[in-house]
Amino acid sequence: MDVTLATILLGVLLAVLIVIPRLRSKSDQPEKVASKPQNKGVQTYSKAEVALHNKRTDCWIIIKDKVFDVTSYVEEHPGGDAILDHAGDDSTEGFYGPQHATRVFEMIDDFCIGNLEK
């Protein structure tokens, strides 16, 4: 049982190390940067607005009162559909779980679209 769990964790970590650099290089492409709207202020979203984005093809999550559009990452998520468990809702607890390597904490900022309304 312990060997199986260790194998799964190792597989997830390796997948993260392979997928994240690929995502970083994709986000550095000029067309992606140019296609993002340039907001002068920080956008704020209500929980009700975030809740509307709860599908594989339109997936927003909340992490520590910030809103992230992770739609483009859903298919590449090393944990499979686990990212959809809290689609349109707060994913803070799951995001800070032991399954994520430290690089994930740096990468997530690329998906931030605003703050959660207080």
PDB file of N, CA and C in Angstrom:
ATOM      1  N   MET A   1       0.820  -1.194   0.000  1.00  0.00           N
ATOM      2  CA  MET A   1       0.000   0.000   0.000  1.00  0.00           C
ATOM      3  C   MET A   1       0.867   1.262   0.000  1.00  0.00           C
ATOM      4  N   ASP A   2       1.915   1.289   0.850  1.00  0.00           N
ATOM      5  CA  ASP A   2       2.803   2.446   0.911  1.00  0.00           C
ATOM      6  C   ASP A   2       3.564   2.632  -0.397  1.00  0.00           C
ATOM      7  N   VAL A   3       3.948   1.535  -1.027  1.00  0.00           N
ATOM      8  CA  VAL A   3       4.668   1.605  -2.296  1.00  0.00           C
ATOM      9  C   VAL A   3       3.756   2.180  -3.381  1.00  0.00           C
ATOM     10  N   THR A   4       2.500   1.783  -3.378  1.00  0.00           N
ATOM     11  CA  THR A   4       1.536   2.290  -4.360  1.00  0.00           C
ATOM     12  C   THR A   4       1.351   3.789  -4.192  1.00  0.00           C
ATOM     13  N   LEU A   5       1.182   4.242  -2.963  1.00  0.00           N
ATOM     14  CA  LEU A   5       0.999   5.664  -2.698  1.00  0.00           C
ATOM     15  C   LEU A   5       2.242   6.450  -3.103  1.00  0.00           C
ATOM     16  N   ALA A   6       3.406   5.930  -2.777  1.00  0.00           N
ATOM     17  CA  ALA A   6       4.653   6.591  -3.155  1.00  0.00           C
ATOM     18  C   ALA A   6       4.797   6.666  -4.671  1.00  0.00           C
ATOM     19  N   THR A   7       4.412   5.618  -5.359  1.00  0.00           N
ATOM     20  CA  THR A   7       4.485   5.593  -6.824  1.00  0.00           C
ATOM     21  C   THR A   7       3.546   6.633  -7.425  1.00  0.00           C
ATOM     22  N   ILE A   8       2.351   6.733  -6.884  1.00  0.00           N
ATOM     23  CA  ILE A   8       1.379   7.721  -7.381  1.00  0.00           C
ATOM     24  C   ILE A   8       1.903   9.130  -7.145  1.00  0.00           C
ATOM     25  N   LEU A   9       2.399   9.408  -5.943  1.00  0.00           N
ATOM     26  CA  LEU A   9       2.923  10.737  -5.643  1.00  0.00           C
ATOM     27  C   LEU A   9       4.111  11.083  -6.537  1.00  0.00           C
ATOM     28  N   LEU A  10       4.988  10.125  -6.742  1.00  0.00           N
ATOM     29  CA  LEU A  10       6.130  10.350  -7.617  1.00  0.00           C
ATOM     30  C   LEU A  10       5.670  10.642  -9.047  1.00  0.00           C
ATOM     31  N   GLY A  11       4.670   9.905  -9.507  1.00  0.00           N
ATOM     32  CA  GLY A  11       4.131  10.132 -10.846  1.00  0.00           C
ATOM     33  C   GLY A  11       3.548  11.520 -10.996  1.00  0.00           C
ATOM     34  N   VAL A  12       2.806  11.966  -9.992  1.00  0.00           N
ATOM     35  CA  VAL A  12       2.209  13.306 -10.029  1.00  0.00           C
ATOM     36  C   VAL A  12       3.304  14.368 -10.030  1.00  0.00           C
ATOM     37  N   LEU A  13       4.306  14.192  -9.178  1.00  0.00           N
ATOM     38  CA  LEU A  13       5.399  15.169  -9.135  1.00  0.00           C
ATOM     39  C   LEU A  13       6.151  15.238 -10.466  1.00  0.00           C
ATOM     40  N   LEU A  14       6.419  14.098 -11.054  1.00  0.00           N
ATOM     41  CA  LEU A  14       7.094  14.087 -12.357  1.00  0.00           C
ATOM     42  C   LEU A  14       6.238  14.751 -13.428  1.00  0.00           C
ATOM     43  N   ALA A  15       4.951  14.477 -13.404  1.00  0.00           N
ATOM     44  CA  ALA A  15       4.045  15.096 -14.376  1.00  0.00           C
ATOM     45  C   ALA A  15       4.045  16.608 -14.213  1.00  0.00           C
ATOM     46  N   VAL A  16       4.040  17.071 -12.968  1.00  0.00           N
ATOM     47  CA  VAL A  16       4.061  18.512 -12.711  1.00  0.00           C
ATOM     48  C   VAL A  16       5.356  19.122 -13.234  1.00  0.00           C
ATOM     49  N   LEU A  17       6.461  18.437 -13.021  1.00  0.00           N
ATOM     50  CA  LEU A  17       7.738  18.963 -13.489  1.00  0.00           C
ATOM     51  C   LEU A  17       7.824  19.003 -15.012  1.00  0.00           C
ATOM     52  N   ILE A  18       7.090  18.155 -15.681  1.00  0.00           N
ATOM     53  CA  ILE A  18       7.092  18.127 -17.143  1.00  0.00           C
ATOM     54  C   ILE A  18       6.077  19.113 -17.705  1.00  0.00           C
ATOM     55  N   VAL A  19       4.886  19.173 -17.126  1.00  0.00           N
ATOM     56  CA  VAL A  19       3.806  20.001 -17.659  1.00  0.00           C
ATOM     57  C   VAL A  19       4.028  21.476 -17.383  1.00  0.00           C
ATOM     58  N   ILE A  20       4.465  21.833 -16.185  1.00  0.00           N
ATOM     59  CA  ILE A  20       4.584  23.248 -15.834  1.00  0.00           C
ATOM     60  C   ILE A  20       5.583  23.989 -16.723  1.00  0.00           C
ATOM     61  N   PRO A  21       6.765  23.459 -16.980  1.00  0.00           N
ATOM     62  CA  PRO A  21       7.662  24.187 -17.888  1.00  0.00           C
ATOM     63  C   PRO A  21       7.047  24.388 -19.277  1.00  0.00           C
ATOM     64  N   ARG A  22       6.271  23.396 -19.731  1.00  0.00           N
ATOM     65  CA  ARG A  22       5.590  23.538 -21.024  1.00  0.00           C
ATOM     66  C   ARG A  22       4.596  24.675 -20.975  1.00  0.00           C
ATOM     67  N   LEU A  23       3.851  24.780 -19.882  1.00  0.00           N
ATOM     68  CA  LEU A  23       2.876  25.856 -19.743  1.00  0.00           C
ATOM     69  C   LEU A  23       3.561  27.210 -19.659  1.00  0.00           C
ATOM     70  N   ARG A  24       4.672  27.268 -18.951  1.00  0.00           N
ATOM     71  CA  ARG A  24       5.417  28.521 -18.841  1.00  0.00           C
ATOM     72  C   ARG A  24       5.865  28.995 -20.218  1.00  0.00           C
ATOM     73  N   SER A  25       6.390  28.090 -21.032  1.00  0.00           N
ATOM     74  CA  SER A  25       6.853  28.491 -22.355  1.00  0.00           C
ATOM     75  C   SER A  25       5.682  28.910 -23.231  1.00  0.00           C
ATOM     76  N   LYS A  26       4.514  28.286 -23.045  1.00  0.00           N
ATOM     77  CA  LYS A  26       3.332  28.697 -23.803  1.00  0.00           C
ATOM     78  C   LYS A  26       2.879  30.088 -23.375  1.00  0.00           C
ATOM     79  N   SER A  27       2.925  30.372 -22.070  1.00  0.00           N
ATOM     80  CA  SER A  27       2.457  31.668 -21.598  1.00  0.00           C
ATOM     81  C   SER A  27       3.415  32.785 -21.982  1.00  0.00           C
ATOM     82  N   ASP A  28       4.636  32.445 -22.350  1.00  0.00           N
ATOM     83  CA  ASP A  28       5.603  33.452 -22.769  1.00  0.00           C
ATOM     84  C   ASP A  28       5.464  33.833 -24.236  1.00  0.00           C
ATOM     85  N   GLN A  29       4.622  33.136 -24.966  1.00  0.00           N
ATOM     86  CA  GLN A  29       4.458  33.423 -26.385  1.00  0.00           C
ATOM     87  C   GLN A  29       3.769  34.771 -26.556  1.00  0.00           C
ATOM     88  N   PRO A  30       4.227  35.580 -27.501  1.00  0.00           N
ATOM     89  CA  PRO A  30       3.667  36.920 -27.690  1.00  0.00           C
ATOM     90  C   PRO A  30       2.165  36.944 -27.926  1.00  0.00           C
ATOM     91  N   GLU A  31       1.635  35.989 -28.718  1.00  0.00           N
ATOM     92  CA  GLU A  31       0.200  36.049 -29.005  1.00  0.00           C
ATOM     93  C   GLU A  31      -0.647  35.852 -27.760  1.00  0.00           C
ATOM     94  N   LYS A  32      -0.179  35.092 -26.793  1.00  0.00           N
ATOM     95  CA  LYS A  32      -0.942  34.907 -25.559  1.00  0.00           C
ATOM     96  C   LYS A  32      -0.910  36.182 -24.729  1.00  0.00           C
ATOM     97  N   VAL A  33       0.235  36.797 -24.634  1.00  0.00           N
ATOM     98  CA  VAL A  33       0.359  38.011 -23.851  1.00  0.00           C
ATOM     99  C   VAL A  33      -0.464  39.120 -24.498  1.00  0.00           C
ATOM    100  N   ALA A  34      -0.387  39.229 -25.819  1.00  0.00           N
ATOM    101  CA  ALA A  34      -1.100  40.283 -26.523  1.00  0.00           C
ATOM    102  C   ALA A  34      -2.608  40.087 -26.465  1.00  0.00           C
ATOM    103  N   SER A  35      -3.089  38.846 -26.317  1.00  0.00           N
ATOM    104  CA  SER A  35      -4.521  38.604 -26.342  1.00  0.00           C
ATOM    105  C   SER A  35      -5.199  38.882 -25.003  1.00  0.00           C
ATOM    106  N   LYS A  36      -4.412  39.065 -23.932  1.00  0.00           N
ATOM    107  CA  LYS A  36      -4.997  39.358 -22.631  1.00  0.00           C
ATOM    108  C   LYS A  36      -5.402  40.815 -22.588  1.00  0.00           C
ATOM    109  N   PRO A  37      -6.607  41.092 -22.085  1.00  0.00           N
ATOM    110  CA  PRO A  37      -7.020  42.491 -21.991  1.00  0.00           C
ATOM    111  C   PRO A  37      -6.150  43.235 -20.973  1.00  0.00           C
ATOM    112  N   GLN A  38      -5.834  44.463 -21.279  1.00  0.00           N
ATOM    113  CA  GLN A  38      -5.015  45.275 -20.394  1.00  0.00           C
ATOM    114  C   GLN A  38      -5.936  46.111 -19.508  1.00  0.00           C
ATOM    115  N   ASN A  39      -6.175  45.641 -18.291  1.00  0.00           N
ATOM    116  CA  ASN A  39      -7.014  46.365 -17.338  1.00  0.00           C
ATOM    117  C   ASN A  39      -6.154  47.312 -16.521  1.00  0.00           C
ATOM    118  N   LYS A  40      -6.618  48.542 -16.379  1.00  0.00           N
ATOM    119  CA  LYS A  40      -5.886  49.499 -15.561  1.00  0.00           C
ATOM    120  C   LYS A  40      -6.105  49.208 -14.091  1.00  0.00           C
ATOM    121  N   GLY A  41      -7.305  48.762 -13.738  1.00  0.00           N
ATOM    122  CA  GLY A  41      -7.609  48.419 -12.354  1.00  0.00           C
ATOM    123  C   GLY A  41      -7.736  46.918 -12.208  1.00  0.00           C
ATOM    124  N   VAL A  42      -7.782  46.490 -10.975  1.00  0.00           N
ATOM    125  CA  VAL A  42      -7.941  45.068 -10.705  1.00  0.00           C
ATOM    126  C   VAL A  42      -9.429  44.730 -10.776  1.00  0.00           C
ATOM    127  N   GLN A  43      -9.752  43.708 -11.539  1.00  0.00           N
ATOM    128  CA  GLN A  43     -11.136  43.260 -11.684  1.00  0.00           C
ATOM    129  C   GLN A  43     -11.573  42.549 -10.403  1.00  0.00           C
ATOM    130  N   THR A  44     -12.813  42.759 -10.000  1.00  0.00           N
ATOM    131  CA  THR A  44     -13.369  42.101  -8.823  1.00  0.00           C
ATOM    132  C   THR A  44     -14.580  41.294  -9.245  1.00  0.00           C
ATOM    133  N   TYR A  45     -14.684  40.067  -8.714  1.00  0.00           N
ATOM    134  CA  TYR A  45     -15.775  39.161  -9.064  1.00  0.00           C
ATOM    135  C   TYR A  45     -16.497  38.704  -7.804  1.00  0.00           C
ATOM    136  N   SER A  46     -17.803  38.543  -7.907  1.00  0.00           N
ATOM    137  CA  SER A  46     -18.584  38.005  -6.788  1.00  0.00           C
ATOM    138  C   SER A  46     -18.520  36.482  -6.834  1.00  0.00           C
ATOM    139  N   LYS A  47     -18.860  35.839  -5.717  1.00  0.00           N
ATOM    140  CA  LYS A  47     -18.901  34.375  -5.685  1.00  0.00           C
ATOM    141  C   LYS A  47     -19.924  33.869  -6.705  1.00  0.00           C
ATOM    142  N   ALA A  48     -21.014  34.600  -6.879  1.00  0.00           N
ATOM    143  CA  ALA A  48     -22.045  34.193  -7.844  1.00  0.00           C
ATOM    144  C   ALA A  48     -21.501  34.218  -9.269  1.00  0.00           C
ATOM    145  N   GLU A  49     -20.685  35.219  -9.595  1.00  0.00           N
ATOM    146  CA  GLU A  49     -20.082  35.287 -10.930  1.00  0.00           C
ATOM    147  C   GLU A  49     -19.127  34.124 -11.144  1.00  0.00           C
ATOM    148  N   VAL A  50     -18.305  33.847 -10.153  1.00  0.00           N
ATOM    149  CA  VAL A  50     -17.341  32.747 -10.256  1.00  0.00           C
ATOM    150  C   VAL A  50     -18.083  31.419 -10.406  1.00  0.00           C
ATOM    151  N   ALA A  51     -19.177  31.255  -9.685  1.00  0.00           N
ATOM    152  CA  ALA A  51     -19.946  30.003  -9.707  1.00  0.00           C
ATOM    153  C   ALA A  51     -20.469  29.659 -11.102  1.00  0.00           C
ATOM    154  N   LEU A  52     -20.638  30.635 -11.957  1.00  0.00           N
ATOM    155  CA  LEU A  52     -21.116  30.388 -13.325  1.00  0.00           C
ATOM    156  C   LEU A  52     -20.066  29.682 -14.191  1.00  0.00           C
ATOM    157  N   HIS A  53     -18.827  29.738 -13.777  1.00  0.00           N
ATOM    158  CA  HIS A  53     -17.710  29.189 -14.558  1.00  0.00           C
ATOM    159  C   HIS A  53     -17.272  27.864 -13.928  1.00  0.00           C
ATOM    160  N   ASN A  54     -18.122  26.859 -14.059  1.00  0.00           N
ATOM    161  CA  ASN A  54     -17.929  25.593 -13.336  1.00  0.00           C
ATOM    162  C   ASN A  54     -17.854  24.364 -14.233  1.00  0.00           C
ATOM    163  N   LYS A  55     -17.344  24.572 -15.456  1.00  0.00           N
ATOM    164  CA  LYS A  55     -17.273  23.467 -16.417  1.00  0.00           C
ATOM    165  C   LYS A  55     -15.848  23.271 -16.920  1.00  0.00           C
ATOM    166  N   ARG A  56     -15.613  22.141 -17.501  1.00  0.00           N
ATOM    167  CA  ARG A  56     -14.312  21.837 -18.095  1.00  0.00           C
ATOM    168  C   ARG A  56     -13.914  22.896 -19.132  1.00  0.00           C
ATOM    169  N   THR A  57     -14.879  23.389 -19.886  1.00  0.00           N
ATOM    170  CA  THR A  57     -14.604  24.352 -20.947  1.00  0.00           C
ATOM    171  C   THR A  57     -14.684  25.801 -20.474  1.00  0.00           C
ATOM    172  N   ASP A  58     -14.970  26.014 -19.216  1.00  0.00           N
ATOM    173  CA  ASP A  58     -15.062  27.347 -18.628  1.00  0.00           C
ATOM    174  C   ASP A  58     -14.886  27.183 -17.123  1.00  0.00           C
ATOM    175  N   CYS A  59     -13.644  27.174 -16.681  1.00  0.00           N
ATOM    176  CA  CYS A  59     -13.330  26.802 -15.305  1.00  0.00           C
ATOM    177  C   CYS A  59     -12.587  27.905 -14.559  1.00  0.00           C
ATOM    178  N   TRP A  60     -13.282  28.500 -13.598  1.00  0.00           N
ATOM    179  CA  TRP A  60     -12.670  29.479 -12.713  1.00  0.00           C
ATOM    180  C   TRP A  60     -12.617  28.886 -11.321  1.00  0.00           C
ATOM    181  N   ILE A  61     -11.599  29.242 -10.571  1.00  0.00           N
ATOM    182  CA  ILE A  61     -11.501  28.807  -9.182  1.00  0.00           C
ATOM    183  C   ILE A  61     -11.079  29.985  -8.313  1.00  0.00           C
ATOM    184  N   ILE A  62     -11.322  29.850  -7.028  1.00  0.00           N
ATOM    185  CA  ILE A  62     -10.924  30.856  -6.052  1.00  0.00           C
ATOM    186  C   ILE A  62      -9.830  30.245  -5.188  1.00  0.00           C
ATOM    187  N   ILE A  63      -8.748  30.989  -5.015  1.00  0.00           N
ATOM    188  CA  ILE A  63      -7.674  30.578  -4.108  1.00  0.00           C
ATOM    189  C   ILE A  63      -7.285  31.812  -3.298  1.00  0.00           C
ATOM    190  N   LYS A  64      -7.491  31.735  -2.011  1.00  0.00           N
ATOM    191  CA  LYS A  64      -7.156  32.841  -1.094  1.00  0.00           C
ATOM    192  C   LYS A  64      -7.699  34.179  -1.593  1.00  0.00           C
ATOM    193  N   ASP A  65      -8.992  34.227  -1.868  1.00  0.00           N
ATOM    194  CA  ASP A  65      -9.690  35.455  -2.269  1.00  0.00           C
ATOM    195  C   ASP A  65      -9.220  36.060  -3.589  1.00  0.00           C
ATOM    196  N   LYS A  66      -8.554  35.247  -4.414  1.00  0.00           N
ATOM    197  CA  LYS A  66      -8.216  35.666  -5.771  1.00  0.00           C
ATOM    198  C   LYS A  66      -8.932  34.732  -6.736  1.00  0.00           C
ATOM    199  N   VAL A  67      -9.266  35.236  -7.903  1.00  0.00           N
ATOM    200  CA  VAL A  67     -10.002  34.462  -8.907  1.00  0.00           C
ATOM    201  C   VAL A  67      -9.056  34.106 -10.047  1.00  0.00           C
ATOM    202  N   PHE A  68      -9.103  32.825 -10.434  1.00  0.00           N
ATOM    203  CA  PHE A  68      -8.213  32.303 -11.472  1.00  0.00           C
ATOM    204  C   PHE A  68      -9.034  31.619 -12.557  1.00  0.00           C
ATOM    205  N   ASP A  69      -8.734  31.938 -13.802  1.00  0.00           N
ATOM    206  CA  ASP A  69      -9.344  31.254 -14.937  1.00  0.00           C
ATOM    207  C   ASP A  69      -8.364  30.167 -15.370  1.00  0.00           C
ATOM    208  N   VAL A  70      -8.652  28.926 -14.980  1.00  0.00           N
ATOM    209  CA  VAL A  70      -7.755  27.802 -15.266  1.00  0.00           C
ATOM    210  C   VAL A  70      -8.267  26.930 -16.415  1.00  0.00           C
ATOM    211  N   THR A  71      -9.176  27.468 -17.191  1.00  0.00           N
ATOM    212  CA  THR A  71      -9.767  26.713 -18.301  1.00  0.00           C
ATOM    213  C   THR A  71      -8.696  26.105 -19.205  1.00  0.00           C
ATOM    214  N   SER A  72      -7.698  26.882 -19.562  1.00  0.00           N
ATOM    215  CA  SER A  72      -6.666  26.404 -20.480  1.00  0.00           C
ATOM    216  C   SER A  72      -5.769  25.340 -19.851  1.00  0.00           C
ATOM    217  N   TYR A  73      -5.846  25.170 -18.546  1.00  0.00           N
ATOM    218  CA  TYR A  73      -4.987  24.218 -17.842  1.00  0.00           C
ATOM    219  C   TYR A  73      -5.701  22.909 -17.485  1.00  0.00           C
ATOM    220  N   VAL A  74      -7.018  22.905 -17.558  1.00  0.00           N
ATOM    221  CA  VAL A  74      -7.803  21.736 -17.124  1.00  0.00           C
ATOM    222  C   VAL A  74      -7.332  20.445 -17.786  1.00  0.00           C
ATOM    223  N   GLU A  75      -7.156  20.445 -19.080  1.00  0.00           N
ATOM    224  CA  GLU A  75      -6.774  19.222 -19.795  1.00  0.00           C
ATOM    225  C   GLU A  75      -5.352  18.777 -19.486  1.00  0.00           C
ATOM    226  N   GLU A  76      -4.492  19.703 -19.053  1.00  0.00           N
ATOM    227  CA  GLU A  76      -3.101  19.370 -18.775  1.00  0.00           C
ATOM    228  C   GLU A  76      -2.838  19.104 -17.296  1.00  0.00           C
ATOM    229  N   HIS A  77      -3.859  19.268 -16.471  1.00  0.00           N
ATOM    230  CA  HIS A  77      -3.688  19.098 -15.023  1.00  0.00           C
ATOM    231  C   HIS A  77      -3.232  17.674 -14.706  1.00  0.00           C
ATOM    232  N   PRO A  78      -2.064  17.516 -14.073  1.00  0.00           N
ATOM    233  CA  PRO A  78      -1.535  16.184 -13.781  1.00  0.00           C
ATOM    234  C   PRO A  78      -2.448  15.359 -12.874  1.00  0.00           C
ATOM    235  N   GLY A  79      -3.275  16.024 -12.093  1.00  0.00           N
ATOM    236  CA  GLY A  79      -4.195  15.321 -11.201  1.00  0.00           C
ATOM    237  C   GLY A  79      -5.511  14.986 -11.871  1.00  0.00           C
ATOM    238  N   GLY A  80      -5.547  15.081 -13.203  1.00  0.00           N
ATOM    239  CA  GLY A  80      -6.761  14.744 -13.943  1.00  0.00           C
ATOM    240  C   GLY A  80      -7.899  15.699 -13.615  1.00  0.00           C
ATOM    241  N   ASP A  81      -9.076  15.136 -13.442  1.00  0.00           N
ATOM    242  CA  ASP A  81     -10.271  15.946 -13.220  1.00  0.00           C
ATOM    243  C   ASP A  81     -10.390  16.489 -11.801  1.00  0.00           C
ATOM    244  N   ALA A  82      -9.408  16.241 -10.946  1.00  0.00           N
ATOM    245  CA  ALA A  82      -9.452  16.757  -9.577  1.00  0.00           C
ATOM    246  C   ALA A  82      -9.584  18.276  -9.573  1.00  0.00           C
ATOM    247  N   ILE A  83      -9.043  18.920 -10.574  1.00  0.00           N
ATOM    248  CA  ILE A  83      -9.129  20.377 -10.660  1.00  0.00           C
ATOM    249  C   ILE A  83     -10.585  20.828 -10.821  1.00  0.00           C
ATOM    250  N   LEU A  84     -11.432  19.948 -11.324  1.00  0.00           N
ATOM    251  CA  LEU A  84     -12.840  20.290 -11.525  1.00  0.00           C
ATOM    252  C   LEU A  84     -13.688  20.090 -10.273  1.00  0.00           C
ATOM    253  N   ASP A  85     -13.127  19.480  -9.234  1.00  0.00           N
ATOM    254  CA  ASP A  85     -13.888  19.230  -8.005  1.00  0.00           C
ATOM    255  C   ASP A  85     -14.451  20.507  -7.395  1.00  0.00           C
ATOM    256  N   HIS A  86     -13.735  21.606  -7.569  1.00  0.00           N
ATOM    257  CA  HIS A  86     -14.195  22.880  -7.007  1.00  0.00           C
ATOM    258  C   HIS A  86     -14.302  23.959  -8.084  1.00  0.00           C
ATOM    259  N   ALA A  87     -14.574  23.547  -9.304  1.00  0.00           N
ATOM    260  CA  ALA A  87     -14.746  24.507 -10.397  1.00  0.00           C
ATOM    261  C   ALA A  87     -15.884  25.460 -10.041  1.00  0.00           C
ATOM    262  N   GLY A  88     -15.637  26.742 -10.176  1.00  0.00           N
ATOM    263  CA  GLY A  88     -16.639  27.739  -9.838  1.00  0.00           C
ATOM    264  C   GLY A  88     -16.753  27.985  -8.342  1.00  0.00           C
ATOM    265  N   ASP A  89     -15.802  27.485  -7.581  1.00  0.00           N
ATOM    266  CA  ASP A  89     -15.887  27.573  -6.121  1.00  0.00           C
ATOM    267  C   ASP A  89     -14.481  27.767  -5.535  1.00  0.00           C
ATOM    268  N   ASP A  90     -14.393  27.733  -4.224  1.00  0.00           N
ATOM    269  CA  ASP A  90     -13.126  27.925  -3.530  1.00  0.00           C
ATOM    270  C   ASP A  90     -12.285  26.652  -3.559  1.00  0.00           C
ATOM    271  N   SER A  91     -11.076  26.759  -4.089  1.00  0.00           N
ATOM    272  CA  SER A  91     -10.152  25.622  -4.198  1.00  0.00           C
ATOM    273  C   SER A  91      -8.933  25.780  -3.302  1.00  0.00           C
ATOM    274  N   THR A  92      -8.987  26.700  -2.375  1.00  0.00           N
ATOM    275  CA  THR A  92      -7.818  26.999  -1.542  1.00  0.00           C
ATOM    276  C   THR A  92      -7.278  25.762  -0.835  1.00  0.00           C
ATOM    277  N   GLU A  93      -8.145  25.032  -0.162  1.00  0.00           N
ATOM    278  CA  GLU A  93      -7.690  23.869   0.604  1.00  0.00           C
ATOM    279  C   GLU A  93      -7.028  22.821  -0.287  1.00  0.00           C
ATOM    280  N   GLY A  94      -7.652  22.494  -1.399  1.00  0.00           N
ATOM    281  CA  GLY A  94      -7.090  21.511  -2.313  1.00  0.00           C
ATOM    282  C   GLY A  94      -5.802  21.980  -2.960  1.00  0.00           C
ATOM    283  N   PHE A  95      -5.731  23.269  -3.268  1.00  0.00           N
ATOM    284  CA  PHE A  95      -4.543  23.816  -3.922  1.00  0.00           C
ATOM    285  C   PHE A  95      -3.320  23.711  -3.016  1.00  0.00           C
ATOM    286  N   TYR A  96      -3.512  23.948  -1.748  1.00  0.00           N
ATOM    287  CA  TYR A  96      -2.385  23.903  -0.812  1.00  0.00           C
ATOM    288  C   TYR A  96      -2.158  22.516  -0.224  1.00  0.00           C
ATOM    289  N   GLY A  97      -2.703  21.489  -0.842  1.00  0.00           N
ATOM    290  CA  GLY A  97      -2.491  20.118  -0.398  1.00  0.00           C
ATOM    291  C   GLY A  97      -1.089  19.637  -0.721  1.00  0.00           C
ATOM    292  N   PRO A  98      -0.707  18.497  -0.166  1.00  0.00           N
ATOM    293  CA  PRO A  98       0.653  17.970  -0.330  1.00  0.00           C
ATOM    294  C   PRO A  98       0.969  17.481  -1.742  1.00  0.00           C
ATOM    295  N   GLN A  99      -0.027  17.361  -2.600  1.00  0.00           N
ATOM    296  CA  GLN A  99       0.199  16.829  -3.941  1.00  0.00           C
ATOM    297  C   GLN A  99       0.859  17.838  -4.875  1.00  0.00           C
ATOM    298  N   HIS A 100       0.897  19.107  -4.506  1.00  0.00           N
ATOM    299  CA  HIS A 100       1.445  20.122  -5.394  1.00  0.00           C
ATOM    300  C   HIS A 100       2.891  20.459  -5.058  1.00  0.00           C
ATOM    301  N   ALA A 101       3.712  20.497  -6.106  1.00  0.00           N
ATOM    302  CA  ALA A 101       5.109  20.920  -5.961  1.00  0.00           C
ATOM    303  C   ALA A 101       5.149  22.439  -5.797  1.00  0.00           C
ATOM    304  N   THR A 102       6.228  22.961  -5.282  1.00  0.00           N
ATOM    305  CA  THR A 102       6.323  24.404  -5.024  1.00  0.00           C
ATOM    306  C   THR A 102       6.221  25.245  -6.291  1.00  0.00           C
ATOM    307  N   ARG A 103       6.575  24.702  -7.430  1.00  0.00           N
ATOM    308  CA  ARG A 103       6.484  25.466  -8.692  1.00  0.00           C
ATOM    309  C   ARG A 103       5.046  25.836  -9.031  1.00  0.00           C
ATOM    310  N   VAL A 104       4.100  25.052  -8.552  1.00  0.00           N
ATOM    311  CA  VAL A 104       2.686  25.336  -8.806  1.00  0.00           C
ATOM    312  C   VAL A 104       2.313  26.685  -8.198  1.00  0.00           C
ATOM    313  N   PHE A 105       2.903  27.013  -7.054  1.00  0.00           N
ATOM    314  CA  PHE A 105       2.577  28.266  -6.379  1.00  0.00           C
ATOM    315  C   PHE A 105       3.062  29.471  -7.176  1.00  0.00           C
ATOM    316  N   GLU A 106       4.115  29.303  -7.939  1.00  0.00           N
ATOM    317  CA  GLU A 106       4.601  30.369  -8.815  1.00  0.00           C
ATOM    318  C   GLU A 106       3.758  30.432 -10.094  1.00  0.00           C
ATOM    319  N   MET A 107       3.411  29.287 -10.624  1.00  0.00           N
ATOM    320  CA  MET A 107       2.694  29.188 -11.887  1.00  0.00           C
ATOM    321  C   MET A 107       1.271  29.745 -11.813  1.00  0.00           C
ATOM    322  N   ILE A 108       0.613  29.596 -10.674  1.00  0.00           N
ATOM    323  CA  ILE A 108      -0.802  29.950 -10.581  1.00  0.00           C
ATOM    324  C   ILE A 108      -1.053  31.426 -10.883  1.00  0.00           C
ATOM    325  N   ASP A 109      -0.094  32.285 -10.608  1.00  0.00           N
ATOM    326  CA  ASP A 109      -0.274  33.714 -10.865  1.00  0.00           C
ATOM    327  C   ASP A 109      -0.547  34.017 -12.335  1.00  0.00           C
ATOM    328  N   ASP A 110      -0.071  33.161 -13.228  1.00  0.00           N
ATOM    329  CA  ASP A 110      -0.319  33.357 -14.658  1.00  0.00           C
ATOM    330  C   ASP A 110      -1.799  33.256 -15.008  1.00  0.00           C
ATOM    331  N   PHE A 111      -2.592  32.649 -14.143  1.00  0.00           N
ATOM    332  CA  PHE A 111      -4.008  32.429 -14.413  1.00  0.00           C
ATOM    333  C   PHE A 111      -4.914  33.401 -13.656  1.00  0.00           C
ATOM    334  N   CYS A 112      -4.330  34.275 -12.856  1.00  0.00           N
ATOM    335  CA  CYS A 112      -5.123  35.208 -12.040  1.00  0.00           C
ATOM    336  C   CYS A 112      -5.832  36.236 -12.925  1.00  0.00           C
ATOM    337  N   ILE A 113      -7.139  36.396 -12.693  1.00  0.00           N
ATOM    338  CA  ILE A 113      -7.905  37.371 -13.462  1.00  0.00           C
ATOM    339  C   ILE A 113      -8.495  38.458 -12.571  1.00  0.00           C
ATOM    340  N   GLY A 114      -8.358  38.329 -11.270  1.00  0.00           N
ATOM    341  CA  GLY A 114      -8.879  39.363 -10.371  1.00  0.00           C
ATOM    342  C   GLY A 114      -9.023  38.887  -8.939  1.00  0.00           C
ATOM    343  N   ASN A 115      -9.744  39.689  -8.175  1.00  0.00           N
ATOM    344  CA  ASN A 115      -9.967  39.404  -6.765  1.00  0.00           C
ATOM    345  C   ASN A 115     -11.415  39.024  -6.505  1.00  0.00           C
ATOM    346  N   LEU A 116     -11.618  38.310  -5.421  1.00  0.00           N
ATOM    347  CA  LEU A 116     -12.973  37.970  -4.992  1.00  0.00           C
ATOM    348  C   LEU A 116     -13.551  39.152  -4.240  1.00  0.00           C
ATOM    349  N   GLU A 117     -14.773  39.477  -4.561  1.00  0.00           N
ATOM    350  CA  GLU A 117     -15.471  40.561  -3.892  1.00  0.00           C
ATOM    351  C   GLU A 117     -15.633  40.239  -2.412  1.00  0.00           C
ATOM    352  N   LYS A 118     -15.398  41.200  -1.571  1.00  0.00           N
ATOM    353  CA  LYS A 118     -15.514  40.962  -0.123  1.00  0.00           C
ATOM    354  C   LYS A 118     -16.866  41.357   0.388  1.00  0.00           C
TER     355      LYS A 118
END
